[in-house]
Amino acid sequence: MGNGQKAQMKRERNAKNAGAAANSQLKANEAAKSIVCQTCRQTFLCTIRAKALEEHATNKHSKTINDCFPGFVETPKK
């Protein structure tokens, strides 16, 4: 048995053991986008910090964070 045949057998064996395809994180990331700018409707991840939202509000809209994101409360760091 040559090395090429051994490699092919190993690939086939690993393909059987692999089972399902790789899981994607895209759906979970979309679900985590719970913060929405009220001016432009851009979504942000729920883990975003107030500083980034404040930069968005001032740079894009020349408004305050309270104008674009009313009721936003930053979650404390662990």
PDB file of N, CA and C in Angstrom:
ATOM      1  N   MET A   1       0.855  -1.162   0.000  1.00  0.00           N
ATOM      2  CA  MET A   1       0.000   0.000   0.000  1.00  0.00           C
ATOM      3  C   MET A   1       0.906   1.231   0.000  1.00  0.00           C
ATOM      4  N   GLY A   2       0.717   2.098  -0.981  1.00  0.00           N
ATOM      5  CA  GLY A   2       1.544   3.292  -1.097  1.00  0.00           C
ATOM      6  C   GLY A   2       1.061   4.419  -0.198  1.00  0.00           C
ATOM      7  N   ASN A   3       1.900   5.441  -0.102  1.00  0.00           N
ATOM      8  CA  ASN A   3       1.549   6.581   0.749  1.00  0.00           C
ATOM      9  C   ASN A   3       0.322   7.323   0.237  1.00  0.00           C
ATOM     10  N   GLY A   4       0.147   7.376  -1.059  1.00  0.00           N
ATOM     11  CA  GLY A   4      -1.016   8.051  -1.624  1.00  0.00           C
ATOM     12  C   GLY A   4      -2.309   7.384  -1.219  1.00  0.00           C
ATOM     13  N   GLN A   5      -2.306   6.066  -1.222  1.00  0.00           N
ATOM     14  CA  GLN A   5      -3.502   5.329  -0.840  1.00  0.00           C
ATOM     15  C   GLN A   5      -3.774   5.477   0.661  1.00  0.00           C
ATOM     16  N   LYS A   6      -2.727   5.487   1.470  1.00  0.00           N
ATOM     17  CA  LYS A   6      -2.904   5.685   2.913  1.00  0.00           C
ATOM     18  C   LYS A   6      -3.513   7.055   3.194  1.00  0.00           C
ATOM     19  N   ALA A   7      -3.027   8.064   2.493  1.00  0.00           N
ATOM     20  CA  ALA A   7      -3.536   9.420   2.692  1.00  0.00           C
ATOM     21  C   ALA A   7      -4.996   9.509   2.275  1.00  0.00           C
ATOM     22  N   GLN A   8      -5.336   8.863   1.174  1.00  0.00           N
ATOM     23  CA  GLN A   8      -6.722   8.883   0.705  1.00  0.00           C
ATOM     24  C   GLN A   8      -7.636   8.169   1.698  1.00  0.00           C
ATOM     25  N   MET A   9      -7.194   7.052   2.239  1.00  0.00           N
ATOM     26  CA  MET A   9      -7.997   6.328   3.224  1.00  0.00           C
ATOM     27  C   MET A   9      -8.192   7.174   4.485  1.00  0.00           C
ATOM     28  N   LYS A  10      -7.151   7.878   4.898  1.00  0.00           N
ATOM     29  CA  LYS A  10      -7.255   8.723   6.072  1.00  0.00           C
ATOM     30  C   LYS A  10      -8.230   9.872   5.833  1.00  0.00           C
ATOM     31  N   ARG A  11      -8.194  10.478   4.636  1.00  0.00           N
ATOM     32  CA  ARG A  11      -9.143  11.555   4.296  1.00  0.00           C
ATOM     33  C   ARG A  11     -10.578  11.040   4.341  1.00  0.00           C
ATOM     34  N   GLU A  12     -10.814   9.854   3.790  1.00  0.00           N
ATOM     35  CA  GLU A  12     -12.157   9.278   3.794  1.00  0.00           C
ATOM     36  C   GLU A  12     -12.622   8.972   5.219  1.00  0.00           C
ATOM     37  N   ARG A  13     -11.730   8.436   6.036  1.00  0.00           N
ATOM     38  CA  ARG A  13     -12.067   8.114   7.420  1.00  0.00           C
ATOM     39  C   ARG A  13     -12.386   9.399   8.200  1.00  0.00           C
ATOM     40  N   ASN A  14     -11.607  10.440   7.981  1.00  0.00           N
ATOM     41  CA  ASN A  14     -11.853  11.706   8.668  1.00  0.00           C
ATOM     42  C   ASN A  14     -13.138  12.368   8.188  1.00  0.00           C
ATOM     43  N   ALA A  15     -13.477  12.185   6.925  1.00  0.00           N
ATOM     44  CA  ALA A  15     -14.716  12.753   6.399  1.00  0.00           C
ATOM     45  C   ALA A  15     -15.925  12.095   7.059  1.00  0.00           C
ATOM     46  N   LYS A  16     -15.848  10.808   7.332  1.00  0.00           N
ATOM     47  CA  LYS A  16     -16.943  10.112   8.011  1.00  0.00           C
ATOM     48  C   LYS A  16     -17.080  10.609   9.441  1.00  0.00           C
ATOM     49  N   ASN A  17     -15.944  10.821  10.115  1.00  0.00           N
ATOM     50  CA  ASN A  17     -15.962  11.235  11.514  1.00  0.00           C
ATOM     51  C   ASN A  17     -16.349  12.699  11.681  1.00  0.00           C
ATOM     52  N   ALA A  18     -16.179  13.493  10.640  1.00  0.00           N
ATOM     53  CA  ALA A  18     -16.453  14.926  10.749  1.00  0.00           C
ATOM     54  C   ALA A  18     -17.933  15.182  10.979  1.00  0.00           C
ATOM     55  N   GLY A  19     -18.791  14.416  10.372  1.00  0.00           N
ATOM     56  CA  GLY A  19     -20.225  14.555  10.585  1.00  0.00           C
ATOM     57  C   GLY A  19     -20.767  15.829   9.973  1.00  0.00           C
ATOM     58  N   ALA A  20     -21.365  16.676  10.805  1.00  0.00           N
ATOM     59  CA  ALA A  20     -22.027  17.892  10.327  1.00  0.00           C
ATOM     60  C   ALA A  20     -21.001  18.933   9.885  1.00  0.00           C
ATOM     61  N   ALA A  21     -21.485  19.854   9.088  1.00  0.00           N
ATOM     62  CA  ALA A  21     -20.629  20.938   8.620  1.00  0.00           C
ATOM     63  C   ALA A  21     -20.329  21.894   9.774  1.00  0.00           C
ATOM     64  N   ALA A  22     -19.396  22.774   9.561  1.00  0.00           N
ATOM     65  CA  ALA A  22     -19.019  23.735  10.589  1.00  0.00           C
ATOM     66  C   ALA A  22     -20.188  24.662  10.901  1.00  0.00           C
ATOM     67  N   ASN A  23     -20.312  25.016  12.160  1.00  0.00           N
ATOM     68  CA  ASN A  23     -21.395  25.895  12.578  1.00  0.00           C
ATOM     69  C   ASN A  23     -21.002  27.346  12.344  1.00  0.00           C
ATOM     70  N   SER A  24     -21.954  28.125  11.909  1.00  0.00           N
ATOM     71  CA  SER A  24     -21.705  29.525  11.624  1.00  0.00           C
ATOM     72  C   SER A  24     -22.167  30.385  12.795  1.00  0.00           C
ATOM     73  N   GLN A  25     -21.458  31.469  13.045  1.00  0.00           N
ATOM     74  CA  GLN A  25     -21.770  32.391  14.122  1.00  0.00           C
ATOM     75  C   GLN A  25     -22.646  33.544  13.635  1.00  0.00           C
ATOM     76  N   LEU A  26     -22.953  33.593  12.343  1.00  0.00           N
ATOM     77  CA  LEU A  26     -23.649  34.738  11.764  1.00  0.00           C
ATOM     78  C   LEU A  26     -25.033  34.963  12.361  1.00  0.00           C
ATOM     79  N   LYS A  27     -25.802  33.907  12.552  1.00  0.00           N
ATOM     80  CA  LYS A  27     -27.158  34.067  13.095  1.00  0.00           C
ATOM     81  C   LYS A  27     -27.124  34.579  14.526  1.00  0.00           C
ATOM     82  N   ALA A  28     -26.196  34.094  15.305  1.00  0.00           N
ATOM     83  CA  ALA A  28     -26.074  34.553  16.694  1.00  0.00           C
ATOM     84  C   ALA A  28     -25.649  36.014  16.742  1.00  0.00           C
ATOM     85  N   ASN A  29     -24.764  36.420  15.838  1.00  0.00           N
ATOM     86  CA  ASN A  29     -24.328  37.816  15.799  1.00  0.00           C
ATOM     87  C   ASN A  29     -25.470  38.742  15.412  1.00  0.00           C
ATOM     88  N   GLU A  30     -26.294  38.327  14.464  1.00  0.00           N
ATOM     89  CA  GLU A  30     -27.435  39.159  14.055  1.00  0.00           C
ATOM     90  C   GLU A  30     -28.438  39.300  15.190  1.00  0.00           C
ATOM     91  N   ALA A  31     -28.629  38.227  15.955  1.00  0.00           N
ATOM     92  CA  ALA A  31     -29.576  38.278  17.063  1.00  0.00           C
ATOM     93  C   ALA A  31     -29.070  39.181  18.186  1.00  0.00           C
ATOM     94  N   ALA A  32     -27.754  39.324  18.314  1.00  0.00           N
ATOM     95  CA  ALA A  32     -27.172  40.132  19.382  1.00  0.00           C
ATOM     96  C   ALA A  32     -27.175  41.624  19.057  1.00  0.00           C
ATOM     97  N   LYS A  33     -27.539  41.992  17.847  1.00  0.00           N
ATOM     98  CA  LYS A  33     -27.574  43.407  17.474  1.00  0.00           C
ATOM     99  C   LYS A  33     -28.886  44.013  17.955  1.00  0.00           C
ATOM    100  N   SER A  34     -28.890  44.390  19.217  1.00  0.00           N
ATOM    101  CA  SER A  34     -30.137  44.845  19.819  1.00  0.00           C
ATOM    102  C   SER A  34     -30.191  46.355  20.029  1.00  0.00           C
ATOM    103  N   ILE A  35     -29.103  47.066  19.800  1.00  0.00           N
ATOM    104  CA  ILE A  35     -29.082  48.517  19.985  1.00  0.00           C
ATOM    105  C   ILE A  35     -29.207  49.163  18.611  1.00  0.00           C
ATOM    106  N   VAL A  36     -30.199  50.049  18.449  1.00  0.00           N
ATOM    107  CA  VAL A  36     -30.494  50.651  17.146  1.00  0.00           C
ATOM    108  C   VAL A  36     -30.444  52.172  17.264  1.00  0.00           C
ATOM    109  N   CYS A  37     -29.715  52.794  16.336  1.00  0.00           N
ATOM    110  CA  CYS A  37     -29.687  54.251  16.270  1.00  0.00           C
ATOM    111  C   CYS A  37     -31.047  54.720  15.754  1.00  0.00           C
ATOM    112  N   GLN A  38     -31.670  55.643  16.477  1.00  0.00           N
ATOM    113  CA  GLN A  38     -33.005  56.103  16.103  1.00  0.00           C
ATOM    114  C   GLN A  38     -32.975  57.058  14.914  1.00  0.00           C
ATOM    115  N   THR A  39     -31.803  57.570  14.563  1.00  0.00           N
ATOM    116  CA  THR A  39     -31.692  58.488  13.440  1.00  0.00           C
ATOM    117  C   THR A  39     -31.498  57.744  12.123  1.00  0.00           C
ATOM    118  N   CYS A  40     -30.495  56.842  12.074  1.00  0.00           N
ATOM    119  CA  CYS A  40     -30.180  56.160  10.812  1.00  0.00           C
ATOM    120  C   CYS A  40     -30.538  54.677  10.826  1.00  0.00           C
ATOM    121  N   ARG A  41     -31.035  54.179  11.960  1.00  0.00           N
ATOM    122  CA  ARG A  41     -31.463  52.784  12.113  1.00  0.00           C
ATOM    123  C   ARG A  41     -30.320  51.781  11.989  1.00  0.00           C
ATOM    124  N   GLN A  42     -29.071  52.207  12.190  1.00  0.00           N
ATOM    125  CA  GLN A  42     -27.941  51.285  12.182  1.00  0.00           C
ATOM    126  C   GLN A  42     -27.966  50.467  13.467  1.00  0.00           C
ATOM    127  N   THR A  43     -27.652  49.173  13.362  1.00  0.00           N
ATOM    128  CA  THR A  43     -27.688  48.296  14.524  1.00  0.00           C
ATOM    129  C   THR A  43     -26.292  48.107  15.090  1.00  0.00           C
ATOM    130  N   PHE A  44     -26.238  47.876  16.393  1.00  0.00           N
ATOM    131  CA  PHE A  44     -24.986  47.652  17.099  1.00  0.00           C
ATOM    132  C   PHE A  44     -25.148  46.446  18.006  1.00  0.00           C
ATOM    133  N   LEU A  45     -24.038  45.751  18.270  1.00  0.00           N
ATOM    134  CA  LEU A  45     -24.058  44.612  19.175  1.00  0.00           C
ATOM    135  C   LEU A  45     -24.394  45.070  20.587  1.00  0.00           C
ATOM    136  N   CYS A  46     -24.998  44.193  21.342  1.00  0.00           N
ATOM    137  CA  CYS A  46     -25.425  44.548  22.697  1.00  0.00           C
ATOM    138  C   CYS A  46     -24.243  44.775  23.627  1.00  0.00           C
ATOM    139  N   THR A  47     -23.040  44.384  23.237  1.00  0.00           N
ATOM    140  CA  THR A  47     -21.863  44.530  24.086  1.00  0.00           C
ATOM    141  C   THR A  47     -21.091  45.818  23.817  1.00  0.00           C
ATOM    142  N   ILE A  48     -21.612  46.698  22.973  1.00  0.00           N
ATOM    143  CA  ILE A  48     -20.896  47.913  22.603  1.00  0.00           C
ATOM    144  C   ILE A  48     -20.832  48.868  23.796  1.00  0.00           C
ATOM    145  N   ARG A  49     -19.791  49.642  23.853  1.00  0.00           N
ATOM    146  CA  ARG A  49     -19.586  50.594  24.939  1.00  0.00           C
ATOM    147  C   ARG A  49     -20.180  51.949  24.577  1.00  0.00           C
ATOM    148  N   ALA A  50     -20.452  52.743  25.598  1.00  0.00           N
ATOM    149  CA  ALA A  50     -21.064  54.057  25.417  1.00  0.00           C
ATOM    150  C   ALA A  50     -20.166  54.979  24.597  1.00  0.00           C
ATOM    151  N   LYS A  51     -18.859  54.835  24.732  1.00  0.00           N
ATOM    152  CA  LYS A  51     -17.929  55.699  24.002  1.00  0.00           C
ATOM    153  C   LYS A  51     -18.100  55.530  22.495  1.00  0.00           C
ATOM    154  N   ALA A  52     -18.250  54.297  22.034  1.00  0.00           N
ATOM    155  CA  ALA A  52     -18.429  54.046  20.603  1.00  0.00           C
ATOM    156  C   ALA A  52     -19.760  54.599  20.109  1.00  0.00           C
ATOM    157  N   LEU A  53     -20.801  54.480  20.913  1.00  0.00           N
ATOM    158  CA  LEU A  53     -22.101  55.025  20.524  1.00  0.00           C
ATOM    159  C   LEU A  53     -22.067  56.547  20.506  1.00  0.00           C
ATOM    160  N   GLU A  54     -21.340  57.133  21.450  1.00  0.00           N
ATOM    161  CA  GLU A  54     -21.214  58.588  21.491  1.00  0.00           C
ATOM    162  C   GLU A  54     -20.461  59.098  20.260  1.00  0.00           C
ATOM    163  N   GLU A  55     -19.414  58.366  19.853  1.00  0.00           N
ATOM    164  CA  GLU A  55     -18.681  58.738  18.637  1.00  0.00           C
ATOM    165  C   GLU A  55     -19.576  58.651  17.413  1.00  0.00           C
ATOM    166  N   HIS A  56     -20.396  57.626  17.329  1.00  0.00           N
ATOM    167  CA  HIS A  56     -21.318  57.478  16.210  1.00  0.00           C
ATOM    168  C   HIS A  56     -22.279  58.661  16.167  1.00  0.00           C
ATOM    169  N   ALA A  57     -22.850  59.005  17.304  1.00  0.00           N
ATOM    170  CA  ALA A  57     -23.841  60.077  17.363  1.00  0.00           C
ATOM    171  C   ALA A  57     -23.230  61.420  16.981  1.00  0.00           C
ATOM    172  N   THR A  58     -22.031  61.711  17.469  1.00  0.00           N
ATOM    173  CA  THR A  58     -21.428  63.010  17.181  1.00  0.00           C
ATOM    174  C   THR A  58     -20.854  63.074  15.774  1.00  0.00           C
ATOM    175  N   ASN A  59     -20.227  62.023  15.311  1.00  0.00           N
ATOM    176  CA  ASN A  59     -19.571  62.054  13.995  1.00  0.00           C
ATOM    177  C   ASN A  59     -20.561  61.949  12.840  1.00  0.00           C
ATOM    178  N   LYS A  60     -21.571  61.113  12.976  1.00  0.00           N
ATOM    179  CA  LYS A  60     -22.507  60.921  11.871  1.00  0.00           C
ATOM    180  C   LYS A  60     -23.664  61.901  11.881  1.00  0.00           C
ATOM    181  N   HIS A  61     -24.142  62.262  13.087  1.00  0.00           N
ATOM    182  CA  HIS A  61     -25.390  63.027  13.161  1.00  0.00           C
ATOM    183  C   HIS A  61     -25.256  64.362  13.880  1.00  0.00           C
ATOM    184  N   SER A  62     -24.119  64.662  14.467  1.00  0.00           N
ATOM    185  CA  SER A  62     -23.912  65.874  15.273  1.00  0.00           C
ATOM    186  C   SER A  62     -24.972  65.987  16.363  1.00  0.00           C
ATOM    187  N   LYS A  63     -25.246  64.865  17.016  1.00  0.00           N
ATOM    188  CA  LYS A  63     -26.220  64.805  18.092  1.00  0.00           C
ATOM    189  C   LYS A  63     -25.562  64.181  19.316  1.00  0.00           C
ATOM    190  N   THR A  64     -26.301  64.136  20.405  1.00  0.00           N
ATOM    191  CA  THR A  64     -25.793  63.487  21.607  1.00  0.00           C
ATOM    192  C   THR A  64     -26.200  62.023  21.611  1.00  0.00           C
ATOM    193  N   ILE A  65     -25.601  61.279  22.536  1.00  0.00           N
ATOM    194  CA  ILE A  65     -25.915  59.854  22.638  1.00  0.00           C
ATOM    195  C   ILE A  65     -27.381  59.652  23.038  1.00  0.00           C
ATOM    196  N   ASN A  66     -27.921  60.577  23.847  1.00  0.00           N
ATOM    197  CA  ASN A  66     -29.322  60.448  24.273  1.00  0.00           C
ATOM    198  C   ASN A  66     -30.293  60.717  23.131  1.00  0.00           C
ATOM    199  N   ASP A  67     -29.900  61.528  22.140  1.00  0.00           N
ATOM    200  CA  ASP A  67     -30.762  61.778  20.988  1.00  0.00           C
ATOM    201  C   ASP A  67     -30.854  60.546  20.088  1.00  0.00           C
ATOM    202  N   CYS A  68     -29.717  59.902  19.855  1.00  0.00           N
ATOM    203  CA  CYS A  68     -29.686  58.746  18.944  1.00  0.00           C
ATOM    204  C   CYS A  68     -30.068  57.437  19.627  1.00  0.00           C
ATOM    205  N   PHE A  69     -29.725  57.294  20.889  1.00  0.00           N
ATOM    206  CA  PHE A  69     -29.960  56.038  21.608  1.00  0.00           C
ATOM    207  C   PHE A  69     -30.683  56.326  22.924  1.00  0.00           C
ATOM    208  N   PRO A  70     -31.947  56.709  22.873  1.00  0.00           N
ATOM    209  CA  PRO A  70     -32.666  57.021  24.120  1.00  0.00           C
ATOM    210  C   PRO A  70     -32.813  55.773  24.985  1.00  0.00           C
ATOM    211  N   GLY A  71     -32.563  55.935  26.254  1.00  0.00           N
ATOM    212  CA  GLY A  71     -32.714  54.825  27.186  1.00  0.00           C
ATOM    213  C   GLY A  71     -31.546  53.865  27.215  1.00  0.00           C
ATOM    214  N   PHE A  72     -30.433  54.198  26.554  1.00  0.00           N
ATOM    215  CA  PHE A  72     -29.279  53.296  26.559  1.00  0.00           C
ATOM    216  C   PHE A  72     -28.616  53.318  27.931  1.00  0.00           C
ATOM    217  N   VAL A  73     -28.392  52.120  28.494  1.00  0.00           N
ATOM    218  CA  VAL A  73     -27.684  51.980  29.755  1.00  0.00           C
ATOM    219  C   VAL A  73     -26.544  51.017  29.520  1.00  0.00           C
ATOM    220  N   GLU A  74     -25.315  51.462  29.785  1.00  0.00           N
ATOM    221  CA  GLU A  74     -24.157  50.614  29.557  1.00  0.00           C
ATOM    222  C   GLU A  74     -24.088  49.540  30.636  1.00  0.00           C
ATOM    223  N   THR A  75     -23.822  48.304  30.207  1.00  0.00           N
ATOM    224  CA  THR A  75     -23.692  47.212  31.165  1.00  0.00           C
ATOM    225  C   THR A  75     -22.318  47.299  31.819  1.00  0.00           C
ATOM    226  N   PRO A  76     -22.233  47.090  33.118  1.00  0.00           N
ATOM    227  CA  PRO A  76     -20.925  47.187  33.802  1.00  0.00           C
ATOM    228  C   PRO A  76     -20.022  46.049  33.408  1.00  0.00           C
ATOM    229  N   LYS A  77     -18.703  46.321  33.437  1.00  0.00           N
ATOM    230  CA  LYS A  77     -17.716  45.281  33.148  1.00  0.00           C
ATOM    231  C   LYS A  77     -17.702  44.275  34.282  1.00  0.00           C
ATOM    232  N   LYS A  78     -17.368  43.051  33.949  1.00  0.00           N
ATOM    233  CA  LYS A  78     -17.304  41.996  34.977  1.00  0.00           C
ATOM    234  C   LYS A  78     -15.953  41.967  35.613  1.00  0.00           C
TER     235      LYS A  78
END
